Protein backbone atom coordinates (compact mmCIF):
# COMPACT_ATOMS: atom_id res chain seq x y z
CA MET A 1 -127.78 -208.95 66.35
CA TRP A 2 -126.34 -211.23 63.90
CA PHE A 3 -125.79 -208.39 61.50
CA ARG A 4 -123.79 -206.37 64.46
CA GLY A 5 -121.40 -209.14 64.99
CA ALA A 6 -120.44 -209.53 61.13
CA ALA A 7 -119.99 -206.15 60.71
CA ASP A 8 -117.71 -206.32 63.48
CA ALA A 9 -115.72 -208.98 61.94
CA VAL A 10 -115.84 -207.36 58.64
CA LEU A 11 -113.99 -204.65 60.66
CA VAL A 12 -111.39 -206.48 62.11
CA VAL A 13 -110.80 -207.90 59.04
CA HIS A 14 -110.00 -204.85 57.21
CA LEU A 15 -107.72 -203.64 60.43
CA ALA A 16 -106.02 -206.92 59.74
CA PHE A 17 -105.66 -206.13 55.59
CA VAL A 18 -104.75 -202.29 56.39
CA LEU A 19 -102.09 -202.99 58.76
CA PHE A 20 -101.12 -205.77 56.49
CA VAL A 21 -100.71 -203.44 53.91
CA VAL A 22 -98.35 -201.04 55.85
CA LEU A 23 -96.52 -203.56 57.95
CA GLY A 24 -96.35 -206.91 55.70
CA GLY A 25 -93.25 -206.48 54.35
CA PHE A 26 -91.68 -206.94 58.13
CA LEU A 27 -93.65 -210.05 58.31
CA ALA A 28 -91.31 -211.06 54.64
CA LEU A 29 -87.86 -209.68 56.49
CA ARG A 30 -88.71 -213.28 58.87
CA TRP A 31 -90.71 -215.49 56.15
CA PRO A 32 -89.50 -214.17 52.34
CA ARG A 33 -92.30 -216.42 51.24
CA VAL A 34 -95.09 -213.95 52.32
CA ALA A 35 -93.54 -211.52 49.66
CA TRP A 36 -95.82 -213.52 47.28
CA VAL A 37 -99.06 -212.49 48.86
CA HIS A 38 -97.96 -208.85 49.91
CA LEU A 39 -96.77 -207.11 47.10
CA PRO A 40 -99.97 -207.55 45.66
CA VAL A 41 -101.62 -206.76 48.57
CA ALA A 42 -100.00 -203.50 49.27
CA THR A 43 -100.01 -202.55 45.39
CA TYR A 44 -103.45 -203.06 45.61
CA GLY A 45 -104.14 -201.01 49.04
CA ALA A 46 -101.23 -197.95 47.86
CA THR A 47 -103.81 -198.13 44.57
CA ILE A 48 -106.98 -197.93 46.75
CA GLU A 49 -105.42 -194.41 48.19
CA PHE A 50 -104.14 -192.86 45.09
CA VAL A 51 -107.07 -193.62 42.90
CA GLY A 52 -109.58 -192.75 45.66
CA PHE A 53 -111.46 -195.95 45.33
CA THR A 54 -113.73 -197.64 47.89
CA CYS A 55 -112.13 -201.10 49.30
CA PRO A 56 -115.31 -203.81 48.81
CA LEU A 57 -115.21 -204.17 52.55
CA THR A 58 -116.24 -200.83 53.54
CA PRO A 59 -119.84 -200.91 51.77
CA LEU A 60 -119.75 -204.67 53.26
CA GLU A 61 -119.87 -203.54 56.97
CA ILE A 62 -121.82 -200.16 56.90
CA TRP A 63 -124.58 -202.46 54.92
CA LEU A 64 -124.21 -204.87 57.53
CA ARG A 65 -124.22 -202.74 60.22
CA ARG A 66 -127.48 -200.39 59.00
CA ARG A 67 -129.08 -204.22 59.17
CA GLY A 68 -128.43 -204.73 62.42
CA GLY A 69 -129.96 -201.05 63.43
CA GLU A 70 -127.21 -198.88 63.49
CA ALA A 71 -126.59 -195.79 61.40
CA GLY A 72 -123.54 -196.91 59.17
CA TYR A 73 -121.34 -194.00 58.33
CA THR A 74 -120.58 -192.40 55.06
CA GLY A 75 -117.07 -192.32 53.11
CA GLY A 76 -114.18 -194.73 53.51
CA PHE A 77 -112.66 -197.13 56.30
CA ILE A 78 -109.97 -194.81 56.90
CA GLU A 79 -111.46 -191.56 56.61
CA HIS A 80 -114.01 -192.98 59.21
CA TYR A 81 -111.97 -194.98 61.72
CA VAL A 82 -108.40 -193.79 60.82
CA THR A 83 -108.86 -190.24 59.53
CA ALA A 84 -111.34 -189.13 62.44
CA THR A 85 -108.87 -189.92 64.95
CA LEU A 86 -105.91 -188.88 63.51
CA TYR A 87 -106.86 -185.78 61.47
CA PRO A 88 -110.38 -184.68 62.46
CA THR A 89 -111.03 -182.20 59.97
CA GLY A 90 -111.59 -185.33 57.42
CA LEU A 91 -110.08 -187.16 55.26
CA THR A 92 -108.93 -185.20 51.98
CA ARG A 93 -107.11 -186.58 48.79
CA GLU A 94 -103.95 -184.80 49.88
CA ILE A 95 -103.77 -186.86 53.11
CA GLN A 96 -105.01 -190.09 50.56
CA LEU A 97 -101.71 -189.76 48.53
CA VAL A 98 -99.91 -188.98 51.65
CA LEU A 99 -100.77 -192.32 52.89
CA GLY A 100 -100.58 -194.31 49.58
CA THR A 101 -97.04 -192.49 49.31
CA ALA A 102 -95.97 -193.80 52.84
CA VAL A 103 -97.40 -197.20 52.27
CA LEU A 104 -94.93 -197.53 49.22
CA VAL A 105 -91.91 -195.50 50.58
CA LEU A 106 -91.98 -197.81 53.91
CA ASN A 107 -92.57 -200.82 51.93
CA ALA A 108 -89.94 -200.34 48.97
CA ALA A 109 -87.25 -199.52 52.39
CA VAL A 110 -88.64 -203.11 53.84
CA TYR A 111 -88.08 -204.67 50.52
CA PHE A 112 -84.91 -203.38 50.10
CA ALA A 113 -83.64 -204.22 53.24
CA TRP A 114 -84.32 -207.52 52.44
CA TRP A 115 -83.40 -207.72 49.38
CA ARG A 116 -79.48 -206.42 50.69
CA ARG A 117 -79.79 -209.05 53.33
CA ARG A 118 -80.44 -212.17 50.88
CA ARG A 119 -77.58 -210.44 48.78
CA ARG A 120 -75.17 -210.48 51.41
CA ALA A 121 -76.12 -214.10 52.37
CA ARG A 122 -75.24 -215.36 48.98
CA THR A 123 -71.93 -213.95 49.11
CA LEU A 124 -71.32 -215.15 52.64
């Protein structure tokens, strides 16, 4: 029972991490100091997608699930939870590249807006 609860906790942390990678730039618009944490985290998240690396939280969750008597799963977090829902045919290398690019483009746009806002505030 403990292992299943721990696996669920890792899942929640992993989901929060992914959401922070994708949307954390919006938090930085409100609280600029968040950018110091978000930029390296977003870079790491995009790198995972570009390189095809597995986030360390994925094997941890799988191990905990197996220890808790569940089957676990194969593949990565995005493939198992997100892609399985959005793209039933499975995660391909092309989708990983699109996801990584989307993270970079979205965050670049957010940080550009943040930079323009700060620049405008300084000129006023």
